[in-house]
PDB file of N, CA and C in Angstrom:
ATOM      1  N   MET A   1       0.793  -1.004  -0.271  1.00  0.00           N
ATOM      2  CA  MET A   1      -0.070  -0.002  -0.024  1.00  0.00           C
ATOM      3  C   MET A   1       0.874   1.286   0.088  1.00  0.00           C
ATOM      4  N   ALA A   2       0.521   2.251  -0.812  1.00  0.00           N
ATOM      5  CA  ALA A   2       1.380   3.376  -1.009  1.00  0.00           C
ATOM      6  C   ALA A   2       1.105   4.177   0.405  1.00  0.00           C
ATOM      7  N   ALA A   3       2.348   4.953   0.757  1.00  0.00           N
ATOM      8  CA  ALA A   3       1.832   6.028   2.076  1.00  0.00           C
ATOM      9  C   ALA A   3       1.472   7.076   1.519  1.00  0.00           C
ATOM     10  N   ARG A   4       0.553   7.097   0.763  1.00  0.00           N
ATOM     11  CA  ARG A   4      -0.277   8.368   0.665  1.00  0.00           C
ATOM     12  C   ARG A   4      -1.736   8.150   0.164  1.00  0.00           C
ATOM     13  N   CYS A   5      -2.331   9.263   0.572  1.00  0.00           N
ATOM     14  CA  CYS A   5      -3.925   9.596   0.603  1.00  0.00           C
ATOM     15  C   CYS A   5      -4.132   9.935  -0.812  1.00  0.00           C
ATOM     16  N   GLU A   6      -4.951   9.076  -1.623  1.00  0.00           N
ATOM     17  CA  GLU A   6      -5.640   9.391  -3.215  1.00  0.00           C
ATOM     18  C   GLU A   6      -6.510  10.358  -3.028  1.00  0.00           C
ATOM     19  N   LEU A   7      -7.102  11.156  -1.797  1.00  0.00           N
ATOM     20  CA  LEU A   7      -7.808  12.512  -2.101  1.00  0.00           C
ATOM     21  C   LEU A   7      -7.222  13.161  -1.809  1.00  0.00           C
ATOM     22  N   THR A   8      -6.445  13.136  -0.479  1.00  0.00           N
ATOM     23  CA  THR A   8      -6.102  14.616   0.334  1.00  0.00           C
ATOM     24  C   THR A   8      -4.601  14.566  -0.151  1.00  0.00           C
ATOM     25  N   GLY A   9      -3.898  13.768  -0.652  1.00  0.00           N
ATOM     26  CA  GLY A   9      -2.319  13.721  -1.054  1.00  0.00           C
ATOM     27  C   GLY A   9      -1.372  13.775   0.450  1.00  0.00           C
ATOM     28  N   LYS A  10      -1.778  13.315   1.362  1.00  0.00           N
ATOM     29  CA  LYS A  10      -1.284  13.671   2.798  1.00  0.00           C
ATOM     30  C   LYS A  10      -0.537  12.202   2.858  1.00  0.00           C
ATOM     31  N   GLY A  11       0.876  12.608   3.178  1.00  0.00           N
ATOM     32  CA  GLY A  11       1.629  11.386   2.842  1.00  0.00           C
ATOM     33  C   GLY A  11       2.441  11.623   4.015  1.00  0.00           C
ATOM     34  N   LYS A  12       3.792  10.609   3.761  1.00  0.00           N
ATOM     35  CA  LYS A  12       4.750  10.323   4.936  1.00  0.00           C
ATOM     36  C   LYS A  12       5.352  11.556   5.285  1.00  0.00           C
ATOM     37  N   GLN A  13       5.917  12.028   6.622  1.00  0.00           N
ATOM     38  CA  GLN A  13       6.261  13.376   6.867  1.00  0.00           C
ATOM     39  C   GLN A  13       7.986  12.337   7.659  1.00  0.00           C
ATOM     40  N   PHE A  14       8.786  13.361   7.760  1.00  0.00           N
ATOM     41  CA  PHE A  14      10.440  13.149   8.321  1.00  0.00           C
ATOM     42  C   PHE A  14      10.469  13.972   9.423  1.00  0.00           C
ATOM     43  N   GLY A  15      11.281  13.139  10.650  1.00  0.00           N
ATOM     44  CA  GLY A  15      11.571  14.064  11.699  1.00  0.00           C
ATOM     45  C   GLY A  15      12.531  13.255  12.732  1.00  0.00           C
ATOM     46  N   ASN A  16      12.504  13.671  13.964  1.00  0.00           N
ATOM     47  CA  ASN A  16      13.757  12.822  14.806  1.00  0.00           C
ATOM     48  C   ASN A  16      13.149  12.388  15.799  1.00  0.00           C
ATOM     49  N   ASN A  17      13.542  11.055  16.008  1.00  0.00           N
ATOM     50  CA  ASN A  17      13.144  10.796  17.486  1.00  0.00           C
ATOM     51  C   ASN A  17      14.030  11.511  18.527  1.00  0.00           C
ATOM     52  N   VAL A  18      13.568  11.834  19.714  1.00  0.00           N
ATOM     53  CA  VAL A  18      14.905  12.690  20.631  1.00  0.00           C
ATOM     54  C   VAL A  18      14.499  12.129  22.029  1.00  0.00           C
ATOM     55  N   SER A  19      15.937  11.685  22.334  1.00  0.00           N
ATOM     56  CA  SER A  19      15.879  11.107  23.624  1.00  0.00           C
ATOM     57  C   SER A  19      16.061  11.822  24.756  1.00  0.00           C
ATOM     58  N   PHE A  20      16.044  11.128  26.057  1.00  0.00           N
ATOM     59  CA  PHE A  20      16.077  12.068  27.152  1.00  0.00           C
ATOM     60  C   PHE A  20      17.113  12.906  27.122  1.00  0.00           C
ATOM     61  N   SER A  21      18.283  12.415  26.393  1.00  0.00           N
ATOM     62  CA  SER A  21      19.626  12.783  26.553  1.00  0.00           C
ATOM     63  C   SER A  21      19.873  13.888  25.396  1.00  0.00           C
ATOM     64  N   LEU A  22      18.462  14.088  24.800  1.00  0.00           N
ATOM     65  CA  LEU A  22      18.630  14.786  23.346  1.00  0.00           C
ATOM     66  C   LEU A  22      19.164  14.232  22.470  1.00  0.00           C
ATOM     67  N   ARG A  23      19.648  13.227  22.121  1.00  0.00           N
ATOM     68  CA  ARG A  23      19.949  12.511  21.064  1.00  0.00           C
ATOM     69  C   ARG A  23      19.220  12.595  20.223  1.00  0.00           C
ATOM     70  N   ARG A  24      19.247  12.757  18.802  1.00  0.00           N
ATOM     71  CA  ARG A  24      18.591  12.951  17.669  1.00  0.00           C
ATOM     72  C   ARG A  24      18.605  11.249  16.565  1.00  0.00           C
ATOM     73  N   THR A  25      17.635  10.719  16.434  1.00  0.00           N
ATOM     74  CA  THR A  25      17.689   9.985  15.203  1.00  0.00           C
ATOM     75  C   THR A  25      16.334  10.018  14.093  1.00  0.00           C
ATOM     76  N   LYS A  26      16.570   9.841  12.925  1.00  0.00           N
ATOM     77  CA  LYS A  26      15.623   9.986  12.156  1.00  0.00           C
ATOM     78  C   LYS A  26      14.588   8.860  12.217  1.00  0.00           C
ATOM     79  N   ARG A  27      13.579   9.361  12.009  1.00  0.00           N
ATOM     80  CA  ARG A  27      12.329   8.454  11.988  1.00  0.00           C
ATOM     81  C   ARG A  27      11.443   8.933  10.762  1.00  0.00           C
ATOM     82  N   VAL A  28      10.371   8.415  10.785  1.00  0.00           N
ATOM     83  CA  VAL A  28       9.135   8.426   9.630  1.00  0.00           C
ATOM     84  C   VAL A  28       7.750   8.673  10.297  1.00  0.00           C
ATOM     85  N   PHE A  29       6.908   9.560   9.924  1.00  0.00           N
ATOM     86  CA  PHE A  29       5.492   9.459  10.683  1.00  0.00           C
ATOM     87  C   PHE A  29       4.917   9.346   9.426  1.00  0.00           C
ATOM     88  N   LYS A  30       3.881   8.011   9.000  1.00  0.00           N
ATOM     89  CA  LYS A  30       3.263   7.726   8.439  1.00  0.00           C
ATOM     90  C   LYS A  30       1.779   7.890   8.655  1.00  0.00           C
ATOM     91  N   PRO A  31       1.232   8.664   7.767  1.00  0.00           N
ATOM     92  CA  PRO A  31      -0.262   8.655   7.934  1.00  0.00           C
ATOM     93  C   PRO A  31      -1.282   7.201   8.345  1.00  0.00           C
ATOM     94  N   ASN A  32      -2.434   7.225   8.763  1.00  0.00           N
ATOM     95  CA  ASN A  32      -2.945   5.967   9.193  1.00  0.00           C
ATOM     96  C   ASN A  32      -4.064   6.004   7.771  1.00  0.00           C
ATOM     97  N   LEU A  33      -3.598   5.462   7.036  1.00  0.00           N
ATOM     98  CA  LEU A  33      -4.423   4.828   5.800  1.00  0.00           C
ATOM     99  C   LEU A  33      -5.487   3.772   5.849  1.00  0.00           C
ATOM    100  N   GLN A  34      -6.746   4.215   5.162  1.00  0.00           N
ATOM    101  CA  GLN A  34      -7.340   3.067   5.274  1.00  0.00           C
ATOM    102  C   GLN A  34      -7.804   2.355   3.447  1.00  0.00           C
ATOM    103  N   LYS A  35      -8.039   0.936   3.269  1.00  0.00           N
ATOM    104  CA  LYS A  35      -8.707   0.949   2.189  1.00  0.00           C
ATOM    105  C   LYS A  35     -10.333   0.975   2.150  1.00  0.00           C
ATOM    106  N   LYS A  36     -10.738   1.809   1.854  1.00  0.00           N
ATOM    107  CA  LYS A  36     -12.292   2.230   1.415  1.00  0.00           C
ATOM    108  C   LYS A  36     -12.795   1.536   0.077  1.00  0.00           C
ATOM    109  N   THR A  37     -14.213   1.150  -0.046  1.00  0.00           N
ATOM    110  CA  THR A  37     -14.612   0.457  -1.303  1.00  0.00           C
ATOM    111  C   THR A  37     -16.126   1.611  -1.676  1.00  0.00           C
ATOM    112  N   PHE A  38     -16.074   2.254  -2.636  1.00  0.00           N
ATOM    113  CA  PHE A  38     -17.220   2.789  -2.924  1.00  0.00           C
ATOM    114  C   PHE A  38     -18.081   2.361  -4.073  1.00  0.00           C
ATOM    115  N   VAL A  39     -19.342   2.431  -4.444  1.00  0.00           N
ATOM    116  CA  VAL A  39     -19.953   2.373  -5.430  1.00  0.00           C
ATOM    117  C   VAL A  39     -20.465   3.655  -5.856  1.00  0.00           C
ATOM    118  N   VAL A  40     -19.808   3.496  -7.578  1.00  0.00           N
ATOM    119  CA  VAL A  40     -19.995   4.941  -8.229  1.00  0.00           C
ATOM    120  C   VAL A  40     -20.654   4.214  -9.503  1.00  0.00           C
ATOM    121  N   ASP A  41     -21.821   4.723  -9.775  1.00  0.00           N
ATOM    122  CA  ASP A  41     -22.251   4.028 -11.041  1.00  0.00           C
ATOM    123  C   ASP A  41     -22.416   3.169 -11.383  1.00  0.00           C
ATOM    124  N   GLY A  42     -22.648   2.013 -10.205  1.00  0.00           N
ATOM    125  CA  GLY A  42     -22.657   1.134 -10.391  1.00  0.00           C
ATOM    126  C   GLY A  42     -21.607  -0.271 -10.042  1.00  0.00           C
ATOM    127  N   GLN A  43     -20.360   0.714 -10.070  1.00  0.00           N
ATOM    128  CA  GLN A  43     -18.958  -0.177 -10.360  1.00  0.00           C
ATOM    129  C   GLN A  43     -18.396   0.091  -8.980  1.00  0.00           C
ATOM    130  N   LYS A  44     -17.475  -1.120  -8.336  1.00  0.00           N
ATOM    131  CA  LYS A  44     -17.070  -0.778  -7.105  1.00  0.00           C
ATOM    132  C   LYS A  44     -15.787  -0.015  -7.318  1.00  0.00           C
ATOM    133  N   VAL A  45     -15.271   1.024  -6.741  1.00  0.00           N
ATOM    134  CA  VAL A  45     -14.003   2.083  -6.585  1.00  0.00           C
ATOM    135  C   VAL A  45     -13.452   1.716  -5.238  1.00  0.00           C
ATOM    136  N   THR A  46     -12.355   1.230  -5.289  1.00  0.00           N
ATOM    137  CA  THR A  46     -11.178   1.193  -3.735  1.00  0.00           C
ATOM    138  C   THR A  46     -10.547   2.006  -3.984  1.00  0.00           C
ATOM    139  N   MET A  47     -10.569   3.046  -2.968  1.00  0.00           N
ATOM    140  CA  MET A  47      -9.513   4.200  -2.589  1.00  0.00           C
ATOM    141  C   MET A  47      -8.899   4.014  -1.637  1.00  0.00           C
ATOM    142  N   THR A  48      -7.357   4.271  -1.419  1.00  0.00           N
ATOM    143  CA  THR A  48      -6.692   4.628   0.048  1.00  0.00           C
ATOM    144  C   THR A  48      -6.922   5.745   0.238  1.00  0.00           C
ATOM    145  N   LEU A  49      -7.530   5.937   1.663  1.00  0.00           N
ATOM    146  CA  LEU A  49      -7.793   7.243   2.041  1.00  0.00           C
ATOM    147  C   LEU A  49      -7.118   7.300   3.756  1.00  0.00           C
ATOM    148  N   SER A  50      -6.837   8.631   3.916  1.00  0.00           N
ATOM    149  CA  SER A  50      -6.677   8.880   5.336  1.00  0.00           C
ATOM    150  C   SER A  50      -7.779   8.885   6.248  1.00  0.00           C
ATOM    151  N   THR A  51      -7.667   8.478   7.301  1.00  0.00           N
ATOM    152  CA  THR A  51      -8.600   8.659   8.418  1.00  0.00           C
ATOM    153  C   THR A  51      -9.272  10.024   8.409  1.00  0.00           C
ATOM    154  N   SER A  52      -8.738  11.119   8.559  1.00  0.00           N
ATOM    155  CA  SER A  52      -9.101  12.445   8.650  1.00  0.00           C
ATOM    156  C   SER A  52      -9.761  12.694   7.309  1.00  0.00           C
ATOM    157  N   ALA A  53      -9.350  11.944   6.462  1.00  0.00           N
ATOM    158  CA  ALA A  53     -10.462  12.265   4.723  1.00  0.00           C
ATOM    159  C   ALA A  53     -11.485  11.615   5.261  1.00  0.00           C
ATOM    160  N   ILE A  54     -11.667  10.498   5.522  1.00  0.00           N
ATOM    161  CA  ILE A  54     -12.916   9.906   6.193  1.00  0.00           C
ATOM    162  C   ILE A  54     -13.448  10.343   7.041  1.00  0.00           C
ATOM    163  N   ARG A  55     -13.052  10.864   7.665  1.00  0.00           N
ATOM    164  CA  ARG A  55     -14.182  11.676   8.584  1.00  0.00           C
ATOM    165  C   ARG A  55     -14.381  12.796   8.321  1.00  0.00           C
ATOM    166  N   THR A  56     -13.634  13.812   7.307  1.00  0.00           N
ATOM    167  CA  THR A  56     -14.362  14.814   7.055  1.00  0.00           C
ATOM    168  C   THR A  56     -15.587  14.403   5.716  1.00  0.00           C
ATOM    169  N   LEU A  57     -15.253  13.263   4.942  1.00  0.00           N
ATOM    170  CA  LEU A  57     -16.096  12.287   4.257  1.00  0.00           C
ATOM    171  C   LEU A  57     -17.953  12.495   4.633  1.00  0.00           C
ATOM    172  N   LYS A  58     -17.699  11.780   6.120  1.00  0.00           N
ATOM    173  CA  LYS A  58     -18.468  11.494   7.033  1.00  0.00           C
ATOM    174  C   LYS A  58     -18.989  12.924   7.475  1.00  0.00           C
ATOM    175  N   LYS A  59     -18.354  13.814   7.871  1.00  0.00           N
ATOM    176  CA  LYS A  59     -18.863  15.106   7.987  1.00  0.00           C
ATOM    177  C   LYS A  59     -19.945  15.763   7.114  1.00  0.00           C
ATOM    178  N   LYS A  60     -19.212  15.681   6.043  1.00  0.00           N
ATOM    179  CA  LYS A  60     -20.146  16.437   4.998  1.00  0.00           C
ATOM    180  C   LYS A  60     -21.319  15.674   4.569  1.00  0.00           C
ATOM    181  N   GLY A  61     -21.239  14.699   4.747  1.00  0.00           N
ATOM    182  CA  GLY A  61     -22.545  13.354   4.273  1.00  0.00           C
ATOM    183  C   GLY A  61     -22.336  12.932   2.886  1.00  0.00           C
ATOM    184  N   ILE A  62     -20.881  13.090   2.412  1.00  0.00           N
ATOM    185  CA  ILE A  62     -20.845  12.247   1.214  1.00  0.00           C
ATOM    186  C   ILE A  62     -20.310  10.900   1.433  1.00  0.00           C
ATOM    187  N   LEU A  63     -20.129  10.712   2.830  1.00  0.00           N
ATOM    188  CA  LEU A  63     -19.873   9.001   3.018  1.00  0.00           C
ATOM    189  C   LEU A  63     -20.799   8.512   4.801  1.00  0.00           C
ATOM    190  N   GLY A  64     -21.280   7.919   4.207  1.00  0.00           N
ATOM    191  CA  GLY A  64     -22.183   7.300   5.290  1.00  0.00           C
ATOM    192  C   GLY A  64     -22.377   5.734   5.502  1.00  0.00           C
ATOM    193  N   LYS A  65     -22.969   5.243   6.560  1.00  0.00           N
ATOM    194  CA  LYS A  65     -22.894   3.709   6.726  1.00  0.00           C
ATOM    195  C   LYS A  65     -23.486   3.124   5.717  1.00  0.00           C
ATOM    196  N   LYS A  66     -24.663   3.632   5.237  1.00  0.00           N
ATOM    197  CA  LYS A  66     -25.089   2.921   4.118  1.00  0.00           C
ATOM    198  C   LYS A  66     -24.199   2.754   2.935  1.00  0.00           C
ATOM    199  N   ASP A  67     -23.222   3.476   2.451  1.00  0.00           N
ATOM    200  CA  ASP A  67     -22.483   3.704   1.666  1.00  0.00           C
ATOM    201  C   ASP A  67     -21.624   2.766   1.880  1.00  0.00           C
ATOM    202  N   VAL A  68     -21.228   2.340   2.816  1.00  0.00           N
ATOM    203  CA  VAL A  68     -20.214   1.632   3.167  1.00  0.00           C
ATOM    204  C   VAL A  68     -20.293   0.199   3.071  1.00  0.00           C
ATOM    205  N   GLN A  69     -21.841  -0.132   3.743  1.00  0.00           N
ATOM    206  CA  GLN A  69     -22.260  -1.449   3.814  1.00  0.00           C
ATOM    207  C   GLN A  69     -22.859  -1.680   2.443  1.00  0.00           C
ATOM    208  N   ALA A  70     -23.033  -0.864   1.477  1.00  0.00           N
ATOM    209  CA  ALA A  70     -23.444  -1.336  -0.028  1.00  0.00           C
ATOM    210  C   ALA A  70     -22.400  -1.764  -0.809  1.00  0.00           C
ATOM    211  N   ALA A  71     -21.273  -1.291  -0.530  1.00  0.00           N
ATOM    212  CA  ALA A  71     -19.894  -1.591  -1.142  1.00  0.00           C
ATOM    213  C   ALA A  71     -19.196  -3.220  -0.827  1.00  0.00           C
ATOM    214  N   LYS A  72     -19.821  -3.567   0.583  1.00  0.00           N
ATOM    215  CA  LYS A  72     -19.212  -4.743   0.679  1.00  0.00           C
ATOM    216  C   LYS A  72     -20.362  -6.150   0.103  1.00  0.00           C
TER     217      LYS A  72
END
């Protein structure tokens, strides 16, 4: 699975682990991605979305419980 949201483009970010002694080591922050299946014009479409994008779609009313259950 690619580390990028197909809707928002949110991807991995780079930073540092900082220990108690303030030593820094490189690390990667990965987005929380989930695969969601939608029914569009009678066809199933699978997208990789970040959880924040899923929450936004639910809030706007674009994605609801019936949409996810109908795709299964």
